[in-house]
Protein backbone atom coordinates (compact mmCIF):
# COMPACT_ATOMS: atom_id res chain seq x y z
CA GLN A 1 58.43 55.85 -7.31
CA VAL A 2 58.54 59.23 -8.31
CA GLN A 3 56.36 60.05 -11.25
CA LEU A 4 55.32 63.08 -13.19
CA VAL A 5 53.02 62.65 -16.04
CA GLU A 6 52.25 65.26 -18.47
CA SER A 7 49.20 65.29 -20.61
CA GLY A 8 47.05 67.47 -22.77
CA GLY A 9 49.34 68.50 -25.53
CA GLY A 10 48.59 68.63 -29.01
CA LEU A 11 48.18 70.34 -32.48
CA VAL A 12 46.19 73.69 -32.06
CA GLN A 13 45.88 76.37 -34.54
CA PRO A 14 47.02 80.19 -33.57
CA GLY A 15 44.79 81.92 -30.88
CA GLY A 16 43.79 78.66 -29.91
CA SER A 17 44.04 76.95 -26.11
CA LEU A 18 45.27 73.94 -24.74
CA ARG A 19 45.13 72.77 -21.01
CA LEU A 20 48.06 70.73 -19.87
CA SER A 21 48.01 68.53 -16.69
CA CYS A 22 50.60 67.05 -14.73
CA ALA A 23 49.82 64.04 -12.38
CA ALA A 24 52.16 63.73 -9.57
CA SER A 25 52.74 60.66 -7.18
CA GLY A 26 55.62 59.22 -4.94
CA PHE A 27 56.20 62.40 -3.46
CA THR A 28 54.46 65.10 -0.97
CA PHE A 29 53.08 67.19 -3.89
CA SER A 30 51.74 69.58 -1.71
CA SER A 31 55.22 70.62 -0.53
CA TYR A 32 56.88 71.01 -3.55
CA ARG A 33 57.28 73.76 -5.94
CA MET A 34 55.79 73.02 -9.27
CA SER A 35 56.82 74.62 -12.70
CA TRP A 36 56.30 74.31 -16.38
CA TYR A 37 59.28 74.58 -18.68
CA ARG A 38 59.46 74.36 -22.38
CA GLN A 39 61.88 73.07 -25.04
CA ALA A 40 61.83 74.00 -28.76
CA PRO A 41 63.83 72.41 -31.26
CA GLY A 42 67.60 73.76 -31.22
CA LYS A 43 66.84 75.82 -28.14
CA GLU A 44 67.42 75.65 -24.38
CA ARG A 45 65.04 74.51 -21.87
CA GLU A 46 63.10 77.65 -20.48
CA LEU A 47 60.90 78.21 -17.34
CA VAL A 48 57.32 78.98 -18.18
CA ALA A 49 55.74 79.53 -15.17
CA SER A 50 55.81 78.04 -11.33
CA ILE A 51 53.71 77.96 -8.39
CA SER A 52 55.00 77.64 -4.89
CA SER A 53 53.55 75.54 -2.04
CA GLY A 54 51.55 78.25 -1.01
CA SER A 55 50.16 78.96 -4.92
CA SER A 56 52.17 81.97 -5.09
CA THR A 57 52.68 82.04 -9.22
CA ASN A 58 55.47 83.50 -11.34
CA TYR A 59 55.64 83.77 -15.06
CA ALA A 60 58.02 84.40 -17.76
CA ASP A 61 57.47 87.50 -19.56
CA PHE A 62 56.45 85.75 -23.04
CA VAL A 63 53.54 83.94 -21.24
CA LYS A 64 52.22 86.98 -18.89
CA GLY A 65 48.71 87.36 -19.66
CA ARG A 66 48.09 84.48 -21.87
CA PHE A 67 49.18 81.53 -19.46
CA THR A 68 47.64 80.60 -16.13
CA ILE A 69 49.41 77.78 -13.87
CA SER A 70 47.25 76.23 -11.13
CA ARG A 71 47.47 73.36 -8.72
CA ASP A 72 44.96 70.73 -7.24
CA ASN A 73 46.72 69.51 -3.85
CA ALA A 74 43.96 67.07 -3.36
CA LYS A 75 44.47 65.61 -6.89
CA ASN A 76 48.15 65.64 -6.85
CA THR A 77 47.89 67.55 -10.26
CA LEU A 78 49.39 70.67 -11.56
CA TYR A 79 47.74 72.50 -14.97
CA LEU A 80 48.63 75.00 -17.12
CA GLN A 81 45.95 76.78 -19.12
CA MET A 82 47.32 78.27 -22.24
CA ASN A 83 45.43 80.88 -24.35
CA SER A 84 46.02 82.92 -27.37
CA LEU A 85 48.67 80.48 -28.47
CA LYS A 86 51.22 81.80 -30.94
CA PRO A 87 53.57 79.44 -33.25
CA GLU A 88 56.41 80.38 -31.23
CA ASP A 89 54.95 78.55 -28.27
CA THR A 90 55.45 75.31 -30.23
CA ALA A 91 57.61 73.11 -27.80
CA VAL A 92 58.05 69.87 -25.54
CA TYR A 93 56.40 71.09 -22.56
CA TYR A 94 58.05 69.64 -18.90
CA CYS A 95 56.39 69.59 -15.60
CA ASN A 96 59.18 69.84 -12.75
CA ALA A 97 58.90 69.15 -9.02
CA TYR A 98 61.23 70.93 -6.68
CA SER A 99 61.72 70.99 -2.58
CA ILE A 100 63.45 73.79 -1.50
CA LEU A 101 63.94 71.82 1.81
CA THR A 102 65.65 68.80 0.26
CA ARG A 103 66.46 70.15 -3.01
CA ASN A 104 65.13 67.46 -4.69
CA TYR A 105 63.82 67.62 -8.36
CA TYR A 106 62.12 65.78 -10.51
CA TRP A 107 61.13 66.07 -14.20
CA GLY A 108 58.03 64.50 -16.13
CA GLN A 109 58.61 62.96 -19.80
CA GLY A 110 57.16 65.98 -21.65
CA THR A 111 54.40 66.72 -23.98
CA GLN A 112 54.35 68.27 -27.32
CA VAL A 113 52.32 71.44 -28.04
CA THR A 114 52.46 72.18 -31.64
CA VAL A 115 50.78 75.37 -32.86
CA SER A 116 50.15 75.67 -36.72
CA SER A 117 47.67 76.48 -39.00
């Protein structure tokens, strides 16, 4: 069955870094558009960054220059390198897979990122 398993979240001080990973299985990872979303308490889930099957990337304005999305199709894994973290980056981060061809989409269970001193 389809699985998206996020890891790498945790508690970090402002200005620090974290690297999130999303291990995918059960579908053709390389052909899916992969994205990171986040949801803070009391707020809507929002797109953070996405990467196409051809590795074109797109970022939300609030993370441009600080976060980098990447993918390793050989390992079926999606990454999010987060630098210069701010308290407002605190949220649950979710991995998402979307197929333009089939319109199938899948979500991971999320990983908590807390930025606090």
